[in-house]
C-alpha atoms as a PDB file:
ATOM      1  CA  MET A   1      68.366  28.570 -69.269  1.00  0.00           C
ATOM      2  CA  ILE A   2      65.784  27.398 -66.872  1.00  0.00           C
ATOM      3  CA  SER A   3      66.570  24.655 -64.790  1.00  0.00           C
ATOM      4  CA  GLN A   4      64.426  21.117 -65.414  1.00  0.00           C
ATOM      5  CA  GLN A   5      63.367  21.067 -61.383  1.00  0.00           C
ATOM      6  CA  ARG A   6      61.988  24.378 -61.956  1.00  0.00           C
ATOM      7  CA  ILE A   7      59.692  23.591 -64.915  1.00  0.00           C
ATOM      8  CA  ASN A   8      58.964  20.598 -62.801  1.00  0.00           C
ATOM      9  CA  GLN A   9      57.818  22.970 -59.758  1.00  0.00           C
ATOM     10  CA  TRP A  10      56.011  25.304 -62.235  1.00  0.00           C
ATOM     11  CA  LEU A  11      54.136  22.652 -63.987  1.00  0.00           C
ATOM     12  CA  ASP A  12      52.954  20.990 -60.598  1.00  0.00           C
ATOM     13  CA  LYS A  13      51.626  24.401 -59.911  1.00  0.00           C
ATOM     14  CA  ARG A  14      49.780  25.040 -63.444  1.00  0.00           C
ATOM     15  CA  ILE A  15      48.591  21.191 -63.874  1.00  0.00           C
ATOM     16  CA  PRO A  16      48.249  19.314 -60.277  1.00  0.00           C
ATOM     17  CA  ALA A  17      48.295  15.960 -60.440  1.00  0.00           C
ATOM     18  CA  ALA A  18      44.454  13.882 -60.771  1.00  0.00           C
ATOM     19  CA  ASN A  19      43.442  10.634 -61.477  1.00  0.00           C
ATOM     20  CA  ALA A  20      41.816  11.709 -65.171  1.00  0.00           C
ATOM     21  CA  PHE A  21      42.115  15.120 -67.226  1.00  0.00           C
ATOM     22  CA  GLN A  22      40.078  16.691 -69.242  1.00  0.00           C
ATOM     23  CA  LEU A  23      42.071  18.734 -71.264  1.00  0.00           C
ATOM     24  CA  ASP A  24      41.272  22.655 -72.012  1.00  0.00           C
ATOM     25  CA  HIS A  25      42.634  25.606 -72.007  1.00  0.00           C
ATOM     26  CA  ARG A  26      44.486  25.416 -68.550  1.00  0.00           C
ATOM     27  CA  ASN A  27      46.429  22.305 -69.078  1.00  0.00           C
ATOM     28  CA  ILE A  28      47.149  22.539 -73.109  1.00  0.00           C
ATOM     29  CA  PHE A  29      50.065  24.003 -74.684  1.00  0.00           C
ATOM     30  CA  ILE A  30      50.220  24.918 -78.248  1.00  0.00           C
ATOM     31  CA  PHE A  31      53.304  26.323 -80.763  1.00  0.00           C
ATOM     32  CA  PRO A  32      54.271  26.645 -84.138  1.00  0.00           C
ATOM     33  CA  ALA A  33      55.776  23.153 -85.014  1.00  0.00           C
ATOM     34  CA  LYS A  34      58.867  23.353 -87.162  1.00  0.00           C
ATOM     35  CA  PHE A  35      56.542  23.587 -90.363  1.00  0.00           C
ATOM     36  CA  GLY A  36      54.636  26.356 -89.358  1.00  0.00           C
ATOM     37  CA  LEU A  37      57.650  28.328 -88.460  1.00  0.00           C
ATOM     38  CA  LEU A  38      58.594  27.365 -92.720  1.00  0.00           C
ATOM     39  CA  TYR A  39      55.571  28.202 -93.654  1.00  0.00           C
ATOM     40  CA  LEU A  40      55.987  31.592 -91.864  1.00  0.00           C
ATOM     41  CA  MET A  41      58.568  32.500 -93.221  1.00  0.00           C
ATOM     42  CA  LEU A  42      56.746  31.252 -96.629  1.00  0.00           C
ATOM     43  CA  CYS A  43      54.318  34.028 -96.046  1.00  0.00           C
ATOM     44  CA  LEU A  44      57.697  36.458 -95.087  1.00  0.00           C
ATOM     45  CA  LEU A  45      59.061  35.932 -98.469  1.00  0.00           C
ATOM     46  CA  LEU A  46      55.676  36.578-100.181  1.00  0.00           C
ATOM     47  CA  PHE A  47      54.975  39.723 -98.531  1.00  0.00           C
ATOM     48  CA  LEU A  48      58.317  40.929 -99.551  1.00  0.00           C
ATOM     49  CA  LEU A  49      58.207  40.358-103.413  1.00  0.00           C
ATOM     50  CA  GLY A  50      54.496  41.193-103.385  1.00  0.00           C
ATOM     51  CA  THR A  51      55.818  44.736-102.005  1.00  0.00           C
ATOM     52  CA  ASN A  52      58.658  44.807-103.716  1.00  0.00           C
ATOM     53  CA  TYR A  53      57.188  44.008-107.451  1.00  0.00           C
ATOM     54  CA  GLN A  54      53.731  45.989-106.324  1.00  0.00           C
ATOM     55  CA  ASN A  55      52.543  42.407-106.710  1.00  0.00           C
ATOM     56  CA  ASN A  56      48.455  41.988-105.458  1.00  0.00           C
ATOM     57  CA  LEU A  57      48.417  38.994-106.748  1.00  0.00           C
ATOM     58  CA  MET A  58      51.511  37.622-103.781  1.00  0.00           C
ATOM     59  CA  LEU A  59      50.029  39.616-101.403  1.00  0.00           C
ATOM     60  CA  LEU A  60      46.551  38.367-102.059  1.00  0.00           C
ATOM     61  CA  LEU A  61      48.028  34.832-101.802  1.00  0.00           C
ATOM     62  CA  CYS A  62      50.049  35.609 -98.644  1.00  0.00           C
ATOM     63  CA  TYR A  63      47.074  37.426 -96.587  1.00  0.00           C
ATOM     64  CA  PHE A  64      45.527  33.965 -97.368  1.00  0.00           C
ATOM     65  CA  LEU A  65      48.230  31.676 -96.280  1.00  0.00           C
ATOM     66  CA  LEU A  66      48.394  33.802 -93.071  1.00  0.00           C
ATOM     67  CA  ALA A  67      44.777  33.294 -92.782  1.00  0.00           C
ATOM     68  CA  LEU A  68      44.558  29.867 -93.327  1.00  0.00           C
ATOM     69  CA  PHE A  69      47.112  29.953 -90.719  1.00  0.00           C
ATOM     70  CA  LEU A  70      45.293  31.861 -88.008  1.00  0.00           C
ATOM     71  CA  VAL A  71      42.587  29.295 -88.273  1.00  0.00           C
ATOM     72  CA  ASN A  72      44.652  26.155 -87.969  1.00  0.00           C
ATOM     73  CA  LEU A  73      45.334  27.575 -84.659  1.00  0.00           C
ATOM     74  CA  LEU A  74      41.739  27.423 -83.526  1.00  0.00           C
ATOM     75  CA  SER A  75      41.155  24.420 -85.105  1.00  0.00           C
ATOM     76  CA  ALA A  76      44.317  22.597 -83.674  1.00  0.00           C
ATOM     77  CA  TYR A  77      43.402  23.875 -79.963  1.00  0.00           C
ATOM     78  CA  VAL A  78      39.760  22.941 -80.057  1.00  0.00           C
ATOM     79  CA  ASN A  79      40.198  19.103 -81.899  1.00  0.00           C
ATOM     80  CA  PHE A  80      42.764  18.322 -79.004  1.00  0.00           C
ATOM     81  CA  ALA A  81      40.654  19.661 -76.312  1.00  0.00           C
ATOM     82  CA  ARG A  82      38.638  17.019 -77.124  1.00  0.00           C
ATOM     83  CA  LEU A  83      40.539  14.724 -75.572  1.00  0.00           C
ATOM     84  CA  SER A  84      39.983  13.232 -71.734  1.00  0.00           C
ATOM     85  CA  VAL A  85      42.783  10.458 -70.132  1.00  0.00           C
ATOM     86  CA  SER A  86      42.651   9.073 -67.175  1.00  0.00           C
ATOM     87  CA  MET A  87      44.983   6.088 -65.818  1.00  0.00           C
ATOM     88  CA  GLY A  88      43.606   2.858 -65.121  1.00  0.00           C
ATOM     89  CA  LYS A  89      44.937  -0.464 -62.228  1.00  0.00           C
ATOM     90  CA  ILE A  90      48.264  -0.237 -62.685  1.00  0.00           C
ATOM     91  CA  PRO A  91      49.222  -4.136 -62.124  1.00  0.00           C
ATOM     92  CA  GLU A  92      52.104  -5.767 -60.495  1.00  0.00           C
ATOM     93  CA  VAL A  93      55.320  -4.987 -60.871  1.00  0.00           C
ATOM     94  CA  TYR A  94      58.879  -6.539 -59.326  1.00  0.00           C
ATOM     95  CA  ALA A  95      62.308  -4.623 -59.310  1.00  0.00           C
ATOM     96  CA  SER A  96      64.458  -4.569 -62.363  1.00  0.00           C
ATOM     97  CA  ASP A  97      60.895  -5.054 -65.195  1.00  0.00           C
ATOM     98  CA  ASP A  98      59.212  -2.722 -66.760  1.00  0.00           C
ATOM     99  CA  VAL A  99      55.696  -2.410 -65.864  1.00  0.00           C
ATOM    100  CA  TYR A 100      52.618  -0.974 -68.375  1.00  0.00           C
ATOM    101  CA  LEU A 101      50.781   2.179 -67.074  1.00  0.00           C
ATOM    102  CA  PRO A 102      47.253   1.688 -68.803  1.00  0.00           C
ATOM    103  CA  LEU A 103      45.913   4.516 -70.107  1.00  0.00           C
ATOM    104  CA  TRP A 104      42.219   4.901 -71.137  1.00  0.00           C
ATOM    105  CA  ILE A 105      41.857   7.730 -73.465  1.00  0.00           C
ATOM    106  CA  ASN A 106      38.620   9.038 -74.957  1.00  0.00           C
ATOM    107  CA  ALA A 107      37.507  11.297 -76.938  1.00  0.00           C
ATOM    108  CA  ASP A 108      34.781  13.438 -76.021  1.00  0.00           C
ATOM    109  CA  LYS A 109      31.276  11.626 -76.758  1.00  0.00           C
ATOM    110  CA  SER A 110      29.280  14.427 -75.913  1.00  0.00           C
ATOM    111  CA  LEU A 111      30.442  16.392 -78.910  1.00  0.00           C
ATOM    112  CA  LYS A 112      29.076  15.658 -81.862  1.00  0.00           C
ATOM    113  CA  THR A 113      32.704  16.040 -83.987  1.00  0.00           C
ATOM    114  CA  PRO A 114      35.472  13.243 -82.321  1.00  0.00           C
ATOM    115  CA  MET A 115      38.688  13.812 -82.031  1.00  0.00           C
ATOM    116  CA  HIS A 116      41.177  13.158 -85.490  1.00  0.00           C
ATOM    117  CA  GLY A 117      44.706  12.638 -85.879  1.00  0.00           C
ATOM    118  CA  ILE A 118      47.477  11.311 -84.781  1.00  0.00           C
ATOM    119  CA  VAL A 119      48.445  11.469 -80.805  1.00  0.00           C
ATOM    120  CA  ASN A 120      52.177  10.729 -79.501  1.00  0.00           C
ATOM    121  CA  ILE A 121      52.395   9.875 -76.002  1.00  0.00           C
ATOM    122  CA  GLY A 122      55.829   9.105 -74.156  1.00  0.00           C
ATOM    123  CA  PHE A 123      57.546  10.539 -71.059  1.00  0.00           C
ATOM    124  CA  MET A 124      58.188  13.989 -70.104  1.00  0.00           C
ATOM    125  CA  GLY A 125      61.784  14.580 -71.525  1.00  0.00           C
ATOM    126  CA  GLN A 126      62.270  11.427 -73.486  1.00  0.00           C
ATOM    127  CA  LYS A 127      61.154  10.358 -77.335  1.00  0.00           C
ATOM    128  CA  VAL A 128      57.731   9.828 -77.787  1.00  0.00           C
ATOM    129  CA  ASN A 129      57.203   6.144 -76.705  1.00  0.00           C
ATOM    130  CA  GLN A 130      53.582   5.204 -78.767  1.00  0.00           C
ATOM    131  CA  TRP A 131      51.421   6.649 -81.708  1.00  0.00           C
ATOM    132  CA  PHE A 132      47.783   6.792 -81.719  1.00  0.00           C
ATOM    133  CA  ASP A 133      45.427   7.130 -84.245  1.00  0.00           C
ATOM    134  CA  CYS A 134      42.240   8.450 -82.979  1.00  0.00           C
ATOM    135  CA  ASP A 135      39.777   6.847 -85.059  1.00  0.00           C
ATOM    136  CA  ALA A 136      41.030   3.350 -83.991  1.00  0.00           C
ATOM    137  CA  PHE A 137      41.823   3.985 -80.473  1.00  0.00           C
ATOM    138  CA  SER A 138      41.836   0.647 -78.478  1.00  0.00           C
ATOM    139  CA  ASN A 139      41.550   0.844 -74.488  1.00  0.00           C
ATOM    140  CA  PRO A 140      43.638   1.090 -72.333  1.00  0.00           C
ATOM    141  CA  VAL A 141      46.942   2.303 -74.308  1.00  0.00           C
ATOM    142  CA  SER A 142      49.841   0.313 -72.096  1.00  0.00           C
ATOM    143  CA  LEU A 143      53.034   2.708 -71.452  1.00  0.00           C
ATOM    144  CA  SER A 144      56.034   1.256 -70.526  1.00  0.00           C
ATOM    145  CA  TYR A 145      58.275   2.168 -67.489  1.00  0.00           C
ATOM    146  CA  PRO A 146      61.054   0.921 -65.751  1.00  0.00           C
ATOM    147  CA  CYS A 147      61.164  -0.074 -62.330  1.00  0.00           C
ATOM    148  CA  GLN A 148      64.654   0.003 -61.011  1.00  0.00           C
ATOM    149  CA  HIS A 149      64.511  -0.537 -57.171  1.00  0.00           C
ATOM    150  CA  ARG A 150      61.900  -1.486 -54.750  1.00  0.00           C
ATOM    151  CA  GLY A 151      59.171   0.293 -52.655  1.00  0.00           C
ATOM    152  CA  TRP A 152      57.150   3.211 -53.788  1.00  0.00           C
ATOM    153  CA  GLN A 153      57.661   5.160 -56.979  1.00  0.00           C
ATOM    154  CA  GLN A 154      56.397   7.977 -58.608  1.00  0.00           C
ATOM    155  CA  ALA A 155      56.156   7.839 -62.344  1.00  0.00           C
ATOM    156  CA  GLU A 156      57.088  11.040 -64.714  1.00  0.00           C
ATOM    157  CA  ARG A 157      55.096  13.049 -65.866  1.00  0.00           C
ATOM    158  CA  ILE A 158      53.368  11.811 -69.589  1.00  0.00           C
ATOM    159  CA  THR A 159      53.030  14.153 -72.335  1.00  0.00           C
ATOM    160  CA  PHE A 160      50.106  13.871 -75.307  1.00  0.00           C
ATOM    161  CA  SER A 161      50.696  15.723 -78.170  1.00  0.00           C
ATOM    162  CA  CYS A 162      49.098  16.207 -81.815  1.00  0.00           C
ATOM    163  CA  TYR A 163      49.767  18.142 -84.730  1.00  0.00           C
ATOM    164  CA  TYR A 164      46.412  18.073 -86.722  1.00  0.00           C
ATOM    165  CA  PRO A 165      45.036  19.070 -88.569  1.00  0.00           C
ATOM    166  CA  LEU A 166      48.054  20.652 -91.357  1.00  0.00           C
ATOM    167  CA  GLY A 167      51.319  20.077 -89.397  1.00  0.00           C
ATOM    168  CA  LEU A 168      51.435  24.221 -88.369  1.00  0.00           C
ATOM    169  CA  PHE A 169      50.964  23.475 -85.018  1.00  0.00           C
ATOM    170  CA  LYS A 170      51.822  22.110 -82.209  1.00  0.00           C
ATOM    171  CA  CYS A 171      49.586  21.165 -79.172  1.00  0.00           C
ATOM    172  CA  TRP A 172      50.467  19.334 -76.154  1.00  0.00           C
ATOM    173  CA  THR A 173      50.364  18.519 -72.336  1.00  0.00           C
ATOM    174  CA  HIS A 174      52.144  17.447 -69.748  1.00  0.00           C
ATOM    175  CA  LEU A 175      50.003  15.146 -67.080  1.00  0.00           C
ATOM    176  CA  ALA A 176      51.034  13.779 -63.642  1.00  0.00           C
ATOM    177  CA  PHE A 177      48.773  11.129 -62.379  1.00  0.00           C
ATOM    178  CA  ASN A 178      48.352  10.993 -58.598  1.00  0.00           C
ATOM    179  CA  ARG A 179      49.336   6.988 -59.031  1.00  0.00           C
ATOM    180  CA  LYS A 180      52.333   5.544 -57.140  1.00  0.00           C
ATOM    181  CA  ILE A 181      54.040   2.477 -58.071  1.00  0.00           C
ATOM    182  CA  LEU A 182      54.603  -0.480 -55.505  1.00  0.00           C
ATOM    183  CA  VAL A 183      57.598  -2.495 -57.019  1.00  0.00           C
ATOM    184  CA  PHE A 184      57.841  -5.992 -55.183  1.00  0.00           C
ATOM    185  CA  PRO A 185      61.360  -7.181 -54.385  1.00  0.00           C
ATOM    186  CA  LYS A 186      62.882  -8.994 -57.234  1.00  0.00           C
ATOM    187  CA  PRO A 187      62.296 -12.907 -56.730  1.00  0.00           C
ATOM    188  CA  LEU A 188      65.436 -14.311 -56.153  1.00  0.00           C
ATOM    189  CA  ALA A 189      64.984 -18.476 -55.892  1.00  0.00           C
ATOM    190  CA  CYS A 190      66.534 -20.113 -52.551  1.00  0.00           C
ATOM    191  CA  PRO A 191      64.738 -23.314 -50.762  1.00  0.00           C
ATOM    192  CA  LEU A 192      61.931 -22.354 -48.221  1.00  0.00           C
ATOM    193  CA  GLU A 193      63.466 -21.734 -44.905  1.00  0.00           C
ATOM    194  CA  LEU A 194      61.148 -21.530 -42.083  1.00  0.00           C
ATOM    195  CA  VAL A 195      60.598 -21.223 -37.768  1.00  0.00           C
ATOM    196  CA  PRO A 196      58.138 -22.892 -36.144  1.00  0.00           C
ATOM    197  CA  ALA A 197      57.280 -19.347 -34.680  1.00  0.00           C
ATOM    198  CA  PRO A 198      58.484 -15.796 -34.681  1.00  0.00           C
ATOM    199  CA  LEU A 199      61.384 -14.936 -33.012  1.00  0.00           C
ATOM    200  CA  SER A 200      62.891 -12.121 -30.968  1.00  0.00           C
ATOM    201  CA  SER A 201      65.169  -9.612 -31.984  1.00  0.00           C
ATOM    202  CA  GLU A 202      67.283 -11.287 -29.558  1.00  0.00           C
ATOM    203  CA  GLU A 203      67.304 -15.136 -30.587  1.00  0.00           C
ATOM    204  CA  THR A 204      68.761 -16.371 -33.845  1.00  0.00           C
ATOM    205  CA  PRO A 205      66.424 -17.702 -36.793  1.00  0.00           C
ATOM    206  CA  ARG A 206      67.397 -21.273 -37.759  1.00  0.00           C
ATOM    207  CA  ALA A 207      65.560 -22.945 -40.663  1.00  0.00           C
ATOM    208  CA  SER A 208      63.999 -25.931 -39.752  1.00  0.00           C
ATOM    209  CA  ASN A 209      63.802 -28.836 -41.949  1.00  0.00           C
ATOM    210  CA  ASN A 210      61.039 -30.872 -41.178  1.00  0.00           C
ATOM    211  CA  LEU A 211      58.843 -27.682 -41.642  1.00  0.00           C
ATOM    212  CA  SER A 212      59.782 -26.774 -45.170  1.00  0.00           C
ATOM    213  CA  LEU A 213      56.289 -27.257 -46.330  1.00  0.00           C
ATOM    214  CA  ASN A 214      57.445 -28.329 -49.438  1.00  0.00           C
ATOM    215  CA  THR A 215      53.928 -29.337 -51.598  1.00  0.00           C
ATOM    216  CA  ASN A 216      56.027 -32.899 -52.042  1.00  0.00           C
ATOM    217  CA  GLN A 217      55.620 -33.832 -48.550  1.00  0.00           C
ATOM    218  CA  ASP A 218      51.607 -33.693 -48.735  1.00  0.00           C
ATOM    219  CA  ASP A 219      50.359 -37.094 -50.535  1.00  0.00           C
ATOM    220  CA  PHE A 220      46.582 -37.395 -51.670  1.00  0.00           C
ATOM    221  CA  SER A 221      44.846 -40.013 -49.310  1.00  0.00           C
ATOM    222  CA  HIS A 222      41.113 -40.194 -50.642  1.00  0.00           C
ATOM    223  CA  LEU A 223      38.005 -38.134 -50.850  1.00  0.00           C
ATOM    224  CA  LYS A 224      35.392 -38.439 -47.918  1.00  0.00           C
ATOM    225  CA  ALA A 225      32.505 -36.589 -47.398  1.00  0.00           C
ATOM    226  CA  TYR A 226      32.488 -32.322 -47.181  1.00  0.00           C
ATOM    227  CA  GLN A 227      32.077 -31.302 -43.593  1.00  0.00           C
ATOM    228  CA  ILE A 228      30.171 -27.480 -43.224  1.00  0.00           C
ATOM    229  CA  GLY A 229      33.497 -25.623 -42.050  1.00  0.00           C
ATOM    230  CA  GLU A 230      35.952 -26.890 -43.819  1.00  0.00           C
ATOM    231  CA  PRO A 231      38.590 -25.015 -46.041  1.00  0.00           C
ATOM    232  CA  LEU A 232      36.901 -24.809 -49.437  1.00  0.00           C
ATOM    233  CA  ARG A 233      40.060 -24.964 -50.991  1.00  0.00           C
ATOM    234  CA  HIS A 234      40.109 -28.642 -50.273  1.00  0.00           C
ATOM    235  CA  VAL A 235      36.794 -29.636 -52.151  1.00  0.00           C
ATOM    236  CA  ALA A 236      37.678 -32.019 -54.669  1.00  0.00           C
ATOM    237  CA  TRP A 237      35.751 -29.245 -57.441  1.00  0.00           C
ATOM    238  CA  LYS A 238      36.239 -32.249 -60.776  1.00  0.00           C
ATOM    239  CA  GLN A 239      34.177 -34.704 -58.599  1.00  0.00           C
ATOM    240  CA  VAL A 240      31.503 -31.506 -57.992  1.00  0.00           C
ATOM    241  CA  ALA A 241      30.953 -30.986 -61.596  1.00  0.00           C
ATOM    242  CA  LYS A 242      30.766 -34.447 -62.332  1.00  0.00           C
ATOM    243  CA  GLY A 243      27.717 -34.481 -60.357  1.00  0.00           C
ATOM    244  CA  ARG A 244      29.089 -36.583 -56.946  1.00  0.00           C
ATOM    245  CA  GLY A 245      28.375 -34.163 -54.486  1.00  0.00           C
ATOM    246  CA  MET A 246      30.539 -31.914 -52.550  1.00  0.00           C
ATOM    247  CA  LEU A 247      33.781 -33.945 -51.521  1.00  0.00           C
ATOM    248  CA  SER A 248      36.528 -33.021 -49.887  1.00  0.00           C
ATOM    249  CA  LYS A 249      40.308 -33.925 -50.247  1.00  0.00           C
ATOM    250  CA  GLU A 250      41.908 -35.940 -47.210  1.00  0.00           C
ATOM    251  CA  PHE A 251      46.295 -35.675 -47.213  1.00  0.00           C
ATOM    252  CA  ASN A 252      48.662 -37.222 -45.568  1.00  0.00           C
ATOM    253  CA  GLY A 253      51.729 -34.846 -44.616  1.00  0.00           C
ATOM    254  CA  SER A 254      52.446 -31.718 -42.523  1.00  0.00           C
ATOM    255  CA  SER A 255      51.135 -29.128 -44.665  1.00  0.00           C
ATOM    256  CA  HIS A 256      48.658 -27.797 -42.313  1.00  0.00           C
ATOM    257  CA  ASN A 257      51.553 -27.197 -39.609  1.00  0.00           C
ATOM    258  CA  VAL A 258      51.636 -23.236 -39.712  1.00  0.00           C
ATOM    259  CA  ALA A 259      55.045 -22.237 -39.944  1.00  0.00           C
ATOM    260  CA  TRP A 260      56.871 -18.614 -39.983  1.00  0.00           C
ATOM    261  CA  LEU A 261      59.154 -16.753 -43.042  1.00  0.00           C
ATOM    262  CA  THR A 262      61.850 -14.640 -40.814  1.00  0.00           C
ATOM    263  CA  LEU A 263      64.245 -11.983 -41.577  1.00  0.00           C
ATOM    264  CA  ASN A 264      67.515 -13.397 -40.733  1.00  0.00           C
ATOM    265  CA  ASN A 265      70.229 -10.909 -39.307  1.00  0.00           C
ATOM    266  CA  SER A 266      71.833  -9.888 -42.584  1.00  0.00           C
ATOM    267  CA  THR A 267      74.335  -7.152 -42.826  1.00  0.00           C
ATOM    268  CA  ALA A 268      73.183  -3.812 -44.438  1.00  0.00           C
ATOM    269  CA  GLU A 269      74.713  -4.667 -47.918  1.00  0.00           C
ATOM    270  CA  HIS A 270      73.013  -7.975 -48.088  1.00  0.00           C
ATOM    271  CA  ILE A 271      69.484  -7.090 -46.626  1.00  0.00           C
ATOM    272  CA  GLU A 272      68.034  -6.894 -50.578  1.00  0.00           C
ATOM    273  CA  LYS A 273      69.385 -10.323 -51.222  1.00  0.00           C
ATOM    274  CA  THR A 274      67.417 -11.755 -48.422  1.00  0.00           C
ATOM    275  CA  LEU A 275      64.031  -9.720 -49.253  1.00  0.00           C
ATOM    276  CA  SER A 276      64.280 -10.950 -52.428  1.00  0.00           C
ATOM    277  CA  LYS A 277      64.883 -14.771 -51.271  1.00  0.00           C
ATOM    278  CA  LEU A 278      61.784 -13.910 -49.250  1.00  0.00           C
ATOM    279  CA  CYS A 279      59.523 -12.853 -52.104  1.00  0.00           C
ATOM    280  CA  PHE A 280      60.659 -15.908 -53.429  1.00  0.00           C
ATOM    281  CA  GLN A 281      58.979 -17.917 -50.745  1.00  0.00           C
ATOM    282  CA  VAL A 282      56.396 -15.977 -50.361  1.00  0.00           C
ATOM    283  CA  LEU A 283      55.220 -16.490 -53.927  1.00  0.00           C
ATOM    284  CA  GLU A 284      56.190 -20.438 -53.796  1.00  0.00           C
ATOM    285  CA  LEU A 285      54.012 -20.524 -50.619  1.00  0.00           C
ATOM    286  CA  SER A 286      50.882 -18.765 -51.536  1.00  0.00           C
ATOM    287  CA  ARG A 287      50.964 -21.103 -55.413  1.00  0.00           C
ATOM    288  CA  ALA A 288      51.067 -23.635 -52.886  1.00  0.00           C
ATOM    289  CA  ASP A 289      48.172 -22.325 -51.068  1.00  0.00           C
ATOM    290  CA  GLN A 290      50.200 -22.993 -47.624  1.00  0.00           C
ATOM    291  CA  GLN A 291      49.204 -21.195 -44.802  1.00  0.00           C
ATOM    292  CA  PHE A 292      52.475 -19.583 -43.000  1.00  0.00           C
ATOM    293  CA  GLY A 293      53.108 -15.812 -41.037  1.00  0.00           C
ATOM    294  CA  LEU A 294      56.084 -13.388 -42.093  1.00  0.00           C
ATOM    295  CA  ASP A 295      58.120 -11.658 -39.324  1.00  0.00           C
ATOM    296  CA  LEU A 296      60.234  -8.942 -40.382  1.00  0.00           C
ATOM    297  CA  ALA A 297      62.158  -6.376 -37.778  1.00  0.00           C
ATOM    298  CA  TYR A 298      58.940  -3.630 -38.320  1.00  0.00           C
ATOM    299  CA  ILE A 299      56.349  -5.694 -39.039  1.00  0.00           C
ATOM    300  CA  ARG A 300      54.398  -8.770 -38.034  1.00  0.00           C
ATOM    301  CA  ILE A 301      51.897 -10.601 -40.363  1.00  0.00           C
ATOM    302  CA  ALA A 302      49.878 -13.409 -39.152  1.00  0.00           C
ATOM    303  CA  PRO A 303      49.597 -16.491 -40.946  1.00  0.00           C
ATOM    304  CA  ALA A 304      46.962 -17.050 -43.660  1.00  0.00           C
ATOM    305  CA  SER A 305      46.860 -18.099 -46.594  1.00  0.00           C
ATOM    306  CA  GLY A 306      45.559 -16.671 -50.222  1.00  0.00           C
ATOM    307  CA  GLU A 307      45.734 -13.937 -52.037  1.00  0.00           C
ATOM    308  CA  ASN A 308      44.809 -11.285 -49.466  1.00  0.00           C
ATOM    309  CA  HIS A 309      47.906 -12.560 -47.725  1.00  0.00           C
ATOM    310  CA  ARG A 310      50.232 -12.851 -50.635  1.00  0.00           C
ATOM    311  CA  LEU A 311      49.639  -9.280 -51.534  1.00  0.00           C
ATOM    312  CA  ALA A 312      50.056  -8.203 -47.742  1.00  0.00           C
ATOM    313  CA  CYS A 313      53.187 -10.304 -47.587  1.00  0.00           C
ATOM    314  CA  LEU A 314      54.644  -8.779 -51.015  1.00  0.00           C
ATOM    315  CA  THR A 315      53.549  -5.135 -49.625  1.00  0.00           C
ATOM    316  CA  ALA A 316      55.549  -5.221 -46.109  1.00  0.00           C
ATOM    317  CA  LEU A 317      58.789  -6.591 -48.108  1.00  0.00           C
ATOM    318  CA  ALA A 318      58.667  -4.144 -50.581  1.00  0.00           C
ATOM    319  CA  GLN A 319      58.081  -1.265 -47.878  1.00  0.00           C
ATOM    320  CA  TYR A 320      60.983  -2.383 -45.713  1.00  0.00           C
ATOM    321  CA  PRO A 321      63.261   0.434 -44.592  1.00  0.00           C
ATOM    322  CA  THR A 322      65.965   0.433 -46.842  1.00  0.00           C
ATOM    323  CA  ILE A 323      69.869   0.942 -46.067  1.00  0.00           C
ATOM    324  CA  ALA A 324      69.800   4.939 -44.764  1.00  0.00           C
ATOM    325  CA  ASP A 325      66.237   4.409 -43.420  1.00  0.00           C
ATOM    326  CA  LYS A 326      67.377   1.188 -41.958  1.00  0.00           C
ATOM    327  CA  ALA A 327      70.247   3.152 -39.615  1.00  0.00           C
ATOM    328  CA  GLY A 328      67.841   5.311 -38.276  1.00  0.00           C
ATOM    329  CA  PHE A 329      64.815   2.712 -37.853  1.00  0.00           C
ATOM    330  CA  ASN A 330      67.489   0.899 -35.988  1.00  0.00           C
END
């Protein structure tokens, strides 16, 4: 019995990972389906009966069915070879959630005859997850993939199969896309714990109550004329839409203080819980559009705000060394 590991090694050589695929003889497999094997048994039975009773009509029917079988072999391959597949941008995903992989499936539009039939899509070695009619494709096709742990993950090979036109042959392929999935830690609700400055490894981080950066601390004060150089997030866009010119919002509070999120000296068994709490705090501070920095054991991200800063912090949390790697890191 050939092991799954050897099969994967052979597939890596035969069909290497890529961003997009155009199906052809190098990545298509074809074999008689169960119905096709029964069809061949019928042809064999007709041949035996025809030769035994010397019935030429029965032999003629047997030869006609065999010719139809061979023609179906060619037509099944030609139809399946019209398929082209690529993977789109993978959305954000957190641990213990499912990510939906966007697959863009298009029949070769340069051909006069488009692909027909139903395409079955699923992960290699698993049951078929989706069925799609080629005559009514809606792009992209979303395929659910479970993500149990944070960090980089490589999705399994995706199997595409089709039984068009008569169901006598099964055409299939196993495609691997060189797109890795970055899984962020699962957010865990907790109070905001911020420090006024990043601490060295010898110091003990302590939460600062006066720098909790809660959005309720900032009270709207008044509107003033916008001055060049002020952050655009302070602009009163509703007033701009009413034609009252560029006005800037003035707040009372400590939202402009810069603080840091730090990784506490957690034990190895609690490190994942701590990262989940930091992930929640990063999302909350980013949602409030507040500036903050992130100080981890192996990387330090300067205080900032915005979408790019949020993604940088989440990426750092996702790539934080695991328990096994952390032992070697220390």
